[in-house]
Amino acid sequence: MADLLIHSQRQAANPPCALCGTRVLLGAGPQLVVADSRALVCRACGKKHAPALVALIDLASAAERVGRIKRHTVFPPLASLLDLARAAEDYLHAAPHQGRRAA
């Protein structure tokens, strides 16, 4: 199993995935990379090897979209808030569970 990291890409890229070799189009922003070589990893391989990191990238992207909404409105549109909530739930379900005890 490969160790993966989140790395911020400054520009779009079209490299082959470091794990499966398929060509992927990746935009600028946070992307998954192999820890040793910083080679880019496609979303499908990321979901297989590090689903929590993919969910965290999705959450960051949704938060960025909501943050870019024009500031002249009091509240962001409901669709944007629902996207953000869905991304947060996906991350919650994909993140490793911490040992919790009932009090």
PDB file of N, CA and C in Angstrom:
ATOM      1  N   MET A   1       0.842  -1.178   0.000  1.00  0.00           N
ATOM      2  CA  MET A   1       0.000   0.000   0.000  1.00  0.00           C
ATOM      3  C   MET A   1       0.887   1.241   0.000  1.00  0.00           C
ATOM      4  N   ALA A   2       0.553   2.191  -0.833  1.00  0.00           N
ATOM      5  CA  ALA A   2       1.342   3.415  -0.976  1.00  0.00           C
ATOM      6  C   ALA A   2       0.940   4.439   0.082  1.00  0.00           C
ATOM      7  N   ASP A   3       1.927   5.158   0.594  1.00  0.00           N
ATOM      8  CA  ASP A   3       1.644   6.273   1.495  1.00  0.00           C
ATOM      9  C   ASP A   3       1.329   7.486   0.641  1.00  0.00           C
ATOM     10  N   LEU A   4       0.172   8.103   0.890  1.00  0.00           N
ATOM     11  CA  LEU A   4      -0.265   9.241   0.093  1.00  0.00           C
ATOM     12  C   LEU A   4      -0.326  10.494   0.952  1.00  0.00           C
ATOM     13  N   LEU A   5      -0.108  11.625   0.317  1.00  0.00           N
ATOM     14  CA  LEU A   5      -0.168  12.937   0.950  1.00  0.00           C
ATOM     15  C   LEU A   5      -1.068  13.851   0.136  1.00  0.00           C
ATOM     16  N   ILE A   6      -1.513  14.937   0.744  1.00  0.00           N
ATOM     17  CA  ILE A   6      -2.200  15.993   0.004  1.00  0.00           C
ATOM     18  C   ILE A   6      -1.172  17.068  -0.289  1.00  0.00           C
ATOM     19  N   HIS A   7      -1.086  17.439  -1.564  1.00  0.00           N
ATOM     20  CA  HIS A   7      -0.126  18.450  -1.994  1.00  0.00           C
ATOM     21  C   HIS A   7      -0.870  19.460  -2.859  1.00  0.00           C
ATOM     22  N   SER A   8      -0.551  20.716  -2.711  1.00  0.00           N
ATOM     23  CA  SER A   8      -1.222  21.750  -3.497  1.00  0.00           C
ATOM     24  C   SER A   8      -0.501  21.966  -4.822  1.00  0.00           C
ATOM     25  N   GLN A   9      -1.228  21.776  -5.919  1.00  0.00           N
ATOM     26  CA  GLN A   9      -0.693  22.001  -7.256  1.00  0.00           C
ATOM     27  C   GLN A   9      -0.992  23.431  -7.671  1.00  0.00           C
ATOM     28  N   ARG A  10      -0.010  24.116  -8.210  1.00  0.00           N
ATOM     29  CA  ARG A  10      -0.204  25.504  -8.637  1.00  0.00           C
ATOM     30  C   ARG A  10      -0.894  25.612  -9.992  1.00  0.00           C
ATOM     31  N   GLN A  11      -0.755  24.581 -10.813  1.00  0.00           N
ATOM     32  CA  GLN A  11      -1.366  24.632 -12.149  1.00  0.00           C
ATOM     33  C   GLN A  11      -1.941  23.267 -12.498  1.00  0.00           C
ATOM     34  N   ALA A  12      -2.801  23.244 -13.494  1.00  0.00           N
ATOM     35  CA  ALA A  12      -3.403  21.995 -13.947  1.00  0.00           C
ATOM     36  C   ALA A  12      -2.329  21.097 -14.547  1.00  0.00           C
ATOM     37  N   ALA A  13      -2.570  19.796 -14.465  1.00  0.00           N
ATOM     38  CA  ALA A  13      -1.604  18.831 -14.987  1.00  0.00           C
ATOM     39  C   ALA A  13      -2.359  17.675 -15.636  1.00  0.00           C
ATOM     40  N   ASN A  14      -1.670  16.945 -16.502  1.00  0.00           N
ATOM     41  CA  ASN A  14      -2.239  15.785 -17.175  1.00  0.00           C
ATOM     42  C   ASN A  14      -1.229  14.634 -17.151  1.00  0.00           C
ATOM     43  N   PRO A  15      -0.766  14.248 -15.960  1.00  0.00           N
ATOM     44  CA  PRO A  15       0.224  13.183 -15.880  1.00  0.00           C
ATOM     45  C   PRO A  15      -0.440  11.816 -15.789  1.00  0.00           C
ATOM     46  N   PRO A  16       0.342  10.753 -15.948  1.00  0.00           N
ATOM     47  CA  PRO A  16      -0.201   9.430 -15.648  1.00  0.00           C
ATOM     48  C   PRO A  16      -0.260   9.244 -14.133  1.00  0.00           C
ATOM     49  N   CYS A  17      -1.219   8.488 -13.667  1.00  0.00           N
ATOM     50  CA  CYS A  17      -1.340   8.194 -12.240  1.00  0.00           C
ATOM     51  C   CYS A  17      -0.127   7.376 -11.808  1.00  0.00           C
ATOM     52  N   ALA A  18       0.429   7.694 -10.669  1.00  0.00           N
ATOM     53  CA  ALA A  18       1.608   6.992 -10.167  1.00  0.00           C
ATOM     54  C   ALA A  18       1.293   5.552  -9.767  1.00  0.00           C
ATOM     55  N   LEU A  19       0.030   5.232  -9.503  1.00  0.00           N
ATOM     56  CA  LEU A  19      -0.320   3.890  -9.051  1.00  0.00           C
ATOM     57  C   LEU A  19      -0.858   2.994 -10.153  1.00  0.00           C
ATOM     58  N   CYS A  20      -1.732   3.537 -11.019  1.00  0.00           N
ATOM     59  CA  CYS A  20      -2.331   2.686 -12.053  1.00  0.00           C
ATOM     60  C   CYS A  20      -1.855   3.012 -13.468  1.00  0.00           C
ATOM     61  N   GLY A  21      -1.269   4.180 -13.674  1.00  0.00           N
ATOM     62  CA  GLY A  21      -0.726   4.535 -14.981  1.00  0.00           C
ATOM     63  C   GLY A  21      -1.689   5.200 -15.940  1.00  0.00           C
ATOM     64  N   THR A  22      -2.967   5.324 -15.598  1.00  0.00           N
ATOM     65  CA  THR A  22      -3.902   5.981 -16.510  1.00  0.00           C
ATOM     66  C   THR A  22      -3.689   7.488 -16.471  1.00  0.00           C
ATOM     67  N   ARG A  23      -3.915   8.136 -17.600  1.00  0.00           N
ATOM     68  CA  ARG A  23      -3.762   9.593 -17.688  1.00  0.00           C
ATOM     69  C   ARG A  23      -4.973  10.255 -17.049  1.00  0.00           C
ATOM     70  N   VAL A  24      -4.721  11.267 -16.254  1.00  0.00           N
ATOM     71  CA  VAL A  24      -5.801  11.994 -15.586  1.00  0.00           C
ATOM     72  C   VAL A  24      -5.586  13.487 -15.757  1.00  0.00           C
ATOM     73  N   LEU A  25      -6.686  14.223 -15.844  1.00  0.00           N
ATOM     74  CA  LEU A  25      -6.618  15.678 -15.913  1.00  0.00           C
ATOM     75  C   LEU A  25      -6.916  16.210 -14.525  1.00  0.00           C
ATOM     76  N   LEU A  26      -5.935  16.835 -13.918  1.00  0.00           N
ATOM     77  CA  LEU A  26      -6.075  17.359 -12.567  1.00  0.00           C
ATOM     78  C   LEU A  26      -5.944  18.870 -12.601  1.00  0.00           C
ATOM     79  N   GLY A  27      -6.873  19.551 -11.970  1.00  0.00           N
ATOM     80  CA  GLY A  27      -6.838  21.009 -11.906  1.00  0.00           C
ATOM     81  C   GLY A  27      -5.893  21.496 -10.820  1.00  0.00           C
ATOM     82  N   ALA A  28      -5.732  22.796 -10.781  1.00  0.00           N
ATOM     83  CA  ALA A  28      -4.902  23.386  -9.733  1.00  0.00           C
ATOM     84  C   ALA A  28      -5.615  23.224  -8.390  1.00  0.00           C
ATOM     85  N   GLY A  29      -4.846  23.155  -7.323  1.00  0.00           N
ATOM     86  CA  GLY A  29      -5.414  23.004  -5.987  1.00  0.00           C
ATOM     87  C   GLY A  29      -4.893  21.757  -5.320  1.00  0.00           C
ATOM     88  N   PRO A  30      -5.538  21.332  -4.249  1.00  0.00           N
ATOM     89  CA  PRO A  30      -5.047  20.162  -3.524  1.00  0.00           C
ATOM     90  C   PRO A  30      -5.242  18.873  -4.317  1.00  0.00           C
ATOM     91  N   GLN A  31      -4.200  18.059  -4.357  1.00  0.00           N
ATOM     92  CA  GLN A  31      -4.220  16.783  -5.066  1.00  0.00           C
ATOM     93  C   GLN A  31      -3.519  15.735  -4.222  1.00  0.00           C
ATOM     94  N   LEU A  32      -3.808  14.468  -4.498  1.00  0.00           N
ATOM     95  CA  LEU A  32      -3.106  13.379  -3.827  1.00  0.00           C
ATOM     96  C   LEU A  32      -1.807  13.079  -4.557  1.00  0.00           C
ATOM     97  N   VAL A  33      -0.746  12.858  -3.787  1.00  0.00           N
ATOM     98  CA  VAL A  33       0.553  12.489  -4.353  1.00  0.00           C
ATOM     99  C   VAL A  33       1.121  11.344  -3.530  1.00  0.00           C
ATOM    100  N   VAL A  34       2.042  10.601  -4.150  1.00  0.00           N
ATOM    101  CA  VAL A  34       2.772   9.556  -3.440  1.00  0.00           C
ATOM    102  C   VAL A  34       3.782  10.249  -2.536  1.00  0.00           C
ATOM    103  N   ALA A  35       3.891   9.809  -1.303  1.00  0.00           N
ATOM    104  CA  ALA A  35       4.722  10.488  -0.303  1.00  0.00           C
ATOM    105  C   ALA A  35       6.190  10.573  -0.714  1.00  0.00           C
ATOM    106  N   ASP A  36       6.734   9.518  -1.274  1.00  0.00           N
ATOM    107  CA  ASP A  36       8.165   9.485  -1.598  1.00  0.00           C
ATOM    108  C   ASP A  36       8.531  10.331  -2.808  1.00  0.00           C
ATOM    109  N   SER A  37       7.753  10.205  -3.873  1.00  0.00           N
ATOM    110  CA  SER A  37       8.144  10.812  -5.153  1.00  0.00           C
ATOM    111  C   SER A  37       7.358  12.066  -5.523  1.00  0.00           C
ATOM    112  N   ARG A  38       6.297  12.377  -4.799  1.00  0.00           N
ATOM    113  CA  ARG A  38       5.397  13.505  -5.113  1.00  0.00           C
ATOM    114  C   ARG A  38       4.723  13.345  -6.476  1.00  0.00           C
ATOM    115  N   ALA A  39       4.628  12.111  -6.969  1.00  0.00           N
ATOM    116  CA  ALA A  39       3.943  11.835  -8.234  1.00  0.00           C
ATOM    117  C   ALA A  39       2.437  11.843  -7.990  1.00  0.00           C
ATOM    118  N   LEU A  40       1.678  12.428  -8.904  1.00  0.00           N
ATOM    119  CA  LEU A  40       0.226  12.575  -8.753  1.00  0.00           C
ATOM    120  C   LEU A  40      -0.505  11.242  -8.832  1.00  0.00           C
ATOM    121  N   VAL A  41      -1.618  11.164  -8.105  1.00  0.00           N
ATOM    122  CA  VAL A  41      -2.435   9.959  -8.032  1.00  0.00           C
ATOM    123  C   VAL A  41      -3.855  10.312  -8.470  1.00  0.00           C
ATOM    124  N   CYS A  42      -4.478   9.441  -9.268  1.00  0.00           N
ATOM    125  CA  CYS A  42      -5.843   9.698  -9.741  1.00  0.00           C
ATOM    126  C   CYS A  42      -6.851   9.515  -8.605  1.00  0.00           C
ATOM    127  N   ARG A  43      -8.048  10.023  -8.819  1.00  0.00           N
ATOM    128  CA  ARG A  43      -9.102   9.972  -7.803  1.00  0.00           C
ATOM    129  C   ARG A  43      -9.511   8.532  -7.501  1.00  0.00           C
ATOM    130  N   ALA A  44      -9.604   7.676  -8.513  1.00  0.00           N
ATOM    131  CA  ALA A  44     -10.020   6.285  -8.297  1.00  0.00           C
ATOM    132  C   ALA A  44      -9.027   5.548  -7.402  1.00  0.00           C
ATOM    133  N   CYS A  45      -7.741   5.719  -7.658  1.00  0.00           N
ATOM    134  CA  CYS A  45      -6.729   5.080  -6.809  1.00  0.00           C
ATOM    135  C   CYS A  45      -6.727   5.700  -5.420  1.00  0.00           C
ATOM    136  N   GLY A  46      -6.963   7.000  -5.360  1.00  0.00           N
ATOM    137  CA  GLY A  46      -7.034   7.665  -4.067  1.00  0.00           C
ATOM    138  C   GLY A  46      -8.176   7.129  -3.228  1.00  0.00           C
ATOM    139  N   LYS A  47      -9.337   6.886  -3.860  1.00  0.00           N
ATOM    140  CA  LYS A  47     -10.479   6.342  -3.125  1.00  0.00           C
ATOM    141  C   LYS A  47     -10.201   4.932  -2.624  1.00  0.00           C
ATOM    142  N   LYS A  48      -9.384   4.178  -3.372  1.00  0.00           N
ATOM    143  CA  LYS A  48      -9.026   2.821  -2.952  1.00  0.00           C
ATOM    144  C   LYS A  48      -8.039   2.830  -1.793  1.00  0.00           C
ATOM    145  N   HIS A  49      -7.017   3.668  -1.890  1.00  0.00           N
ATOM    146  CA  HIS A  49      -5.903   3.631  -0.940  1.00  0.00           C
ATOM    147  C   HIS A  49      -6.031   4.620   0.219  1.00  0.00           C
ATOM    148  N   ALA A  50      -6.734   5.725   0.028  1.00  0.00           N
ATOM    149  CA  ALA A  50      -6.869   6.736   1.080  1.00  0.00           C
ATOM    150  C   ALA A  50      -8.195   7.484   0.944  1.00  0.00           C
ATOM    151  N   PRO A  51      -9.314   6.806   1.226  1.00  0.00           N
ATOM    152  CA  PRO A  51     -10.614   7.453   1.046  1.00  0.00           C
ATOM    153  C   PRO A  51     -10.814   8.688   1.930  1.00  0.00           C
ATOM    154  N   ALA A  52     -10.217   8.707   3.102  1.00  0.00           N
ATOM    155  CA  ALA A  52     -10.364   9.871   3.982  1.00  0.00           C
ATOM    156  C   ALA A  52      -9.694  11.105   3.381  1.00  0.00           C
ATOM    157  N   LEU A  53      -8.559  10.928   2.711  1.00  0.00           N
ATOM    158  CA  LEU A  53      -7.875  12.064   2.086  1.00  0.00           C
ATOM    159  C   LEU A  53      -8.671  12.604   0.905  1.00  0.00           C
ATOM    160  N   VAL A  54      -9.272  11.714   0.114  1.00  0.00           N
ATOM    161  CA  VAL A  54     -10.108  12.156  -1.014  1.00  0.00           C
ATOM    162  C   VAL A  54     -11.316  12.924  -0.478  1.00  0.00           C
ATOM    163  N   ALA A  55     -11.928  12.426   0.591  1.00  0.00           N
ATOM    164  CA  ALA A  55     -13.071  13.123   1.190  1.00  0.00           C
ATOM    165  C   ALA A  55     -12.655  14.487   1.744  1.00  0.00           C
ATOM    166  N   LEU A  56     -11.453  14.579   2.297  1.00  0.00           N
ATOM    167  CA  LEU A  56     -10.964  15.857   2.813  1.00  0.00           C
ATOM    168  C   LEU A  56     -10.718  16.854   1.676  1.00  0.00           C
ATOM    169  N   ILE A  57     -10.198  16.373   0.556  1.00  0.00           N
ATOM    170  CA  ILE A  57     -10.003  17.238  -0.617  1.00  0.00           C
ATOM    171  C   ILE A  57     -11.354  17.721  -1.132  1.00  0.00           C
ATOM    172  N   ASP A  58     -12.359  16.839  -1.167  1.00  0.00           N
ATOM    173  CA  ASP A  58     -13.703  17.233  -1.602  1.00  0.00           C
ATOM    174  C   ASP A  58     -14.294  18.288  -0.663  1.00  0.00           C
ATOM    175  N   LEU A  59     -14.079  18.118   0.636  1.00  0.00           N
ATOM    176  CA  LEU A  59     -14.572  19.076   1.610  1.00  0.00           C
ATOM    177  C   LEU A  59     -13.902  20.438   1.417  1.00  0.00           C
ATOM    178  N   ALA A  60     -12.616  20.437   1.181  1.00  0.00           N
ATOM    179  CA  ALA A  60     -11.898  21.700   0.944  1.00  0.00           C
ATOM    180  C   ALA A  60     -12.392  22.381  -0.327  1.00  0.00           C
ATOM    181  N   SER A  61     -12.648  21.614  -1.367  1.00  0.00           N
ATOM    182  CA  SER A  61     -13.146  22.181  -2.626  1.00  0.00           C
ATOM    183  C   SER A  61     -14.533  22.780  -2.443  1.00  0.00           C
ATOM    184  N   ALA A  62     -15.407  22.080  -1.711  1.00  0.00           N
ATOM    185  CA  ALA A  62     -16.756  22.601  -1.470  1.00  0.00           C
ATOM    186  C   ALA A  62     -16.691  23.882  -0.646  1.00  0.00           C
ATOM    187  N   ALA A  63     -15.836  23.909   0.360  1.00  0.00           N
ATOM    188  CA  ALA A  63     -15.703  25.114   1.188  1.00  0.00           C
ATOM    189  C   ALA A  63     -15.163  26.275   0.364  1.00  0.00           C
ATOM    190  N   GLU A  64     -14.242  25.994  -0.545  1.00  0.00           N
ATOM    191  CA  GLU A  64     -13.702  27.050  -1.403  1.00  0.00           C
ATOM    192  C   GLU A  64     -14.791  27.609  -2.325  1.00  0.00           C
ATOM    193  N   ARG A  65     -15.631  26.722  -2.887  1.00  0.00           N
ATOM    194  CA  ARG A  65     -16.730  27.186  -3.749  1.00  0.00           C
ATOM    195  C   ARG A  65     -17.700  28.078  -2.984  1.00  0.00           C
ATOM    196  N   VAL A  66     -18.058  27.674  -1.764  1.00  0.00           N
ATOM    197  CA  VAL A  66     -18.974  28.480  -0.958  1.00  0.00           C
ATOM    198  C   VAL A  66     -18.325  29.814  -0.607  1.00  0.00           C
ATOM    199  N   GLY A  67     -17.035  29.807  -0.354  1.00  0.00           N
ATOM    200  CA  GLY A  67     -16.330  31.039  -0.021  1.00  0.00           C
ATOM    201  C   GLY A  67     -16.230  32.018  -1.173  1.00  0.00           C
ATOM    202  N   ARG A  68     -16.301  31.522  -2.405  1.00  0.00           N
ATOM    203  CA  ARG A  68     -16.206  32.403  -3.578  1.00  0.00           C
ATOM    204  C   ARG A  68     -17.531  33.045  -3.955  1.00  0.00           C
ATOM    205  N   ILE A  69     -18.612  32.650  -3.319  1.00  0.00           N
ATOM    206  CA  ILE A  69     -19.918  33.229  -3.637  1.00  0.00           C
ATOM    207  C   ILE A  69     -19.882  34.713  -3.304  1.00  0.00           C
ATOM    208  N   LYS A  70     -20.543  35.485  -4.114  1.00  0.00           N
ATOM    209  CA  LYS A  70     -20.569  36.945  -3.921  1.00  0.00           C
ATOM    210  C   LYS A  70     -20.960  37.283  -2.495  1.00  0.00           C
ATOM    211  N   ARG A  71     -20.311  38.245  -1.945  1.00  0.00           N
ATOM    212  CA  ARG A  71     -20.518  38.604  -0.548  1.00  0.00           C
ATOM    213  C   ARG A  71     -21.702  39.554  -0.349  1.00  0.00           C
ATOM    214  N   HIS A  72     -22.419  39.921  -1.417  1.00  0.00           N
ATOM    215  CA  HIS A  72     -23.549  40.834  -1.245  1.00  0.00           C
ATOM    216  C   HIS A  72     -24.806  40.131  -0.746  1.00  0.00           C
ATOM    217  N   THR A  73     -24.787  38.815  -0.690  1.00  0.00           N
ATOM    218  CA  THR A  73     -25.939  38.092  -0.155  1.00  0.00           C
ATOM    219  C   THR A  73     -25.725  37.815   1.326  1.00  0.00           C
ATOM    220  N   VAL A  74     -26.802  37.711   2.066  1.00  0.00           N
ATOM    221  CA  VAL A  74     -26.702  37.435   3.499  1.00  0.00           C
ATOM    222  C   VAL A  74     -26.312  35.976   3.728  1.00  0.00           C
ATOM    223  N   PHE A  75     -26.921  35.071   2.965  1.00  0.00           N
ATOM    224  CA  PHE A  75     -26.642  33.655   3.098  1.00  0.00           C
ATOM    225  C   PHE A  75     -26.256  33.087   1.739  1.00  0.00           C
ATOM    226  N   PRO A  76     -25.341  32.106   1.711  1.00  0.00           N
ATOM    227  CA  PRO A  76     -25.053  31.426   0.442  1.00  0.00           C
ATOM    228  C   PRO A  76     -26.298  30.668  -0.024  1.00  0.00           C
ATOM    229  N   PRO A  77     -26.377  30.366  -1.310  1.00  0.00           N
ATOM    230  CA  PRO A  77     -27.527  29.597  -1.813  1.00  0.00           C
ATOM    231  C   PRO A  77     -27.630  28.238  -1.112  1.00  0.00           C
ATOM    232  N   LEU A  78     -28.845  27.753  -0.984  1.00  0.00           N
ATOM    233  CA  LEU A  78     -29.092  26.485  -0.304  1.00  0.00           C
ATOM    234  C   LEU A  78     -28.339  25.334  -0.977  1.00  0.00           C
ATOM    235  N   ALA A  79     -28.270  25.321  -2.301  1.00  0.00           N
ATOM    236  CA  ALA A  79     -27.567  24.245  -3.006  1.00  0.00           C
ATOM    237  C   ALA A  79     -26.094  24.195  -2.598  1.00  0.00           C
ATOM    238  N   SER A  80     -25.476  25.343  -2.439  1.00  0.00           N
ATOM    239  CA  SER A  80     -24.068  25.392  -2.029  1.00  0.00           C
ATOM    240  C   SER A  80     -23.898  24.878  -0.603  1.00  0.00           C
ATOM    241  N   LEU A  81     -24.819  25.260   0.271  1.00  0.00           N
ATOM    242  CA  LEU A  81     -24.754  24.784   1.654  1.00  0.00           C
ATOM    243  C   LEU A  81     -24.973  23.278   1.730  1.00  0.00           C
ATOM    244  N   LEU A  82     -25.860  22.749   0.885  1.00  0.00           N
ATOM    245  CA  LEU A  82     -26.082  21.305   0.858  1.00  0.00           C
ATOM    246  C   LEU A  82     -24.864  20.563   0.326  1.00  0.00           C
ATOM    247  N   ASP A  83     -24.197  21.128  -0.686  1.00  0.00           N
ATOM    248  CA  ASP A  83     -22.947  20.527  -1.178  1.00  0.00           C
ATOM    249  C   ASP A  83     -21.898  20.475  -0.085  1.00  0.00           C
ATOM    250  N   LEU A  84     -21.775  21.548   0.663  1.00  0.00           N
ATOM    251  CA  LEU A  84     -20.814  21.603   1.761  1.00  0.00           C
ATOM    252  C   LEU A  84     -21.168  20.580   2.846  1.00  0.00           C
ATOM    253  N   ALA A  85     -22.449  20.472   3.176  1.00  0.00           N
ATOM    254  CA  ALA A  85     -22.881  19.496   4.182  1.00  0.00           C
ATOM    255  C   ALA A  85     -22.629  18.066   3.712  1.00  0.00           C
ATOM    256  N   ARG A  86     -22.881  17.786   2.433  1.00  0.00           N
ATOM    257  CA  ARG A  86     -22.645  16.448   1.896  1.00  0.00           C
ATOM    258  C   ARG A  86     -21.159  16.102   1.941  1.00  0.00           C
ATOM    259  N   ALA A  87     -20.309  17.055   1.575  1.00  0.00           N
ATOM    260  CA  ALA A  87     -18.864  16.821   1.618  1.00  0.00           C
ATOM    261  C   ALA A  87     -18.398  16.590   3.055  1.00  0.00           C
ATOM    262  N   ALA A  88     -18.970  17.322   4.015  1.00  0.00           N
ATOM    263  CA  ALA A  88     -18.606  17.132   5.418  1.00  0.00           C
ATOM    264  C   ALA A  88     -19.040  15.754   5.915  1.00  0.00           C
ATOM    265  N   GLU A  89     -20.231  15.304   5.519  1.00  0.00           N
ATOM    266  CA  GLU A  89     -20.689  13.970   5.907  1.00  0.00           C
ATOM    267  C   GLU A  89     -19.829  12.882   5.285  1.00  0.00           C
ATOM    268  N   ASP A  90     -19.457  13.052   4.014  1.00  0.00           N
ATOM    269  CA  ASP A  90     -18.590  12.071   3.359  1.00  0.00           C
ATOM    270  C   ASP A  90     -17.256  11.962   4.083  1.00  0.00           C
ATOM    271  N   TYR A  91     -16.718  13.100   4.497  1.00  0.00           N
ATOM    272  CA  TYR A  91     -15.454  13.075   5.227  1.00  0.00           C
ATOM    273  C   TYR A  91     -15.636  12.394   6.579  1.00  0.00           C
ATOM    274  N   LEU A  92     -16.730  12.694   7.263  1.00  0.00           N
ATOM    275  CA  LEU A  92     -16.981  12.092   8.566  1.00  0.00           C
ATOM    276  C   LEU A  92     -17.046  10.570   8.459  1.00  0.00           C
ATOM    277  N   HIS A  93     -17.688  10.062   7.403  1.00  0.00           N
ATOM    278  CA  HIS A  93     -17.814   8.614   7.233  1.00  0.00           C
ATOM    279  C   HIS A  93     -16.526   7.971   6.736  1.00  0.00           C
ATOM    280  N   ALA A  94     -15.683   8.717   6.035  1.00  0.00           N
ATOM    281  CA  ALA A  94     -14.449   8.154   5.497  1.00  0.00           C
ATOM    282  C   ALA A  94     -13.281   8.261   6.472  1.00  0.00           C
ATOM    283  N   ALA A  95     -13.350   9.206   7.403  1.00  0.00           N
ATOM    284  CA  ALA A  95     -12.252   9.419   8.352  1.00  0.00           C
ATOM    285  C   ALA A  95     -12.151   8.231   9.300  1.00  0.00           C
ATOM    286  N   PRO A  96     -10.928   7.920   9.728  1.00  0.00           N
ATOM    287  CA  PRO A  96     -10.774   6.822  10.694  1.00  0.00           C
ATOM    288  C   PRO A  96     -11.503   7.159  11.991  1.00  0.00           C
ATOM    289  N   HIS A  97     -12.181   6.187  12.539  1.00  0.00           N
ATOM    290  CA  HIS A  97     -12.952   6.411  13.762  1.00  0.00           C
ATOM    291  C   HIS A  97     -12.024   6.435  14.965  1.00  0.00           C
ATOM    292  N   GLN A  98     -12.192   7.432  15.786  1.00  0.00           N
ATOM    293  CA  GLN A  98     -11.442   7.548  17.037  1.00  0.00           C
ATOM    294  C   GLN A  98     -12.170   6.709  18.093  1.00  0.00           C
ATOM    295  N   GLY A  99     -11.431   6.177  19.012  1.00  0.00           N
ATOM    296  CA  GLY A  99     -12.051   5.402  20.095  1.00  0.00           C
ATOM    297  C   GLY A  99     -12.840   6.314  21.013  1.00  0.00           C
ATOM    298  N   ARG A 100     -14.162   6.176  21.025  1.00  0.00           N
ATOM    299  CA  ARG A 100     -15.022   6.999  21.868  1.00  0.00           C
ATOM    300  C   ARG A 100     -15.702   6.102  22.890  1.00  0.00           C
ATOM    301  N   ARG A 101     -15.865   6.650  24.060  1.00  0.00           N
ATOM    302  CA  ARG A 101     -16.573   5.929  25.113  1.00  0.00           C
ATOM    303  C   ARG A 101     -17.766   6.738  25.576  1.00  0.00           C
ATOM    304  N   ALA A 102     -18.826   6.045  25.876  1.00  0.00           N
ATOM    305  CA  ALA A 102     -20.001   6.726  26.425  1.00  0.00           C
ATOM    306  C   ALA A 102     -19.714   7.064  27.882  1.00  0.00           C
ATOM    307  N   ALA A 103     -20.132   8.244  28.288  1.00  0.00           N
ATOM    308  CA  ALA A 103     -19.878   8.659  29.679  1.00  0.00           C
ATOM    309  C   ALA A 103     -20.894   8.087  30.627  1.00  0.00           C
TER     310      ALA A 103
END
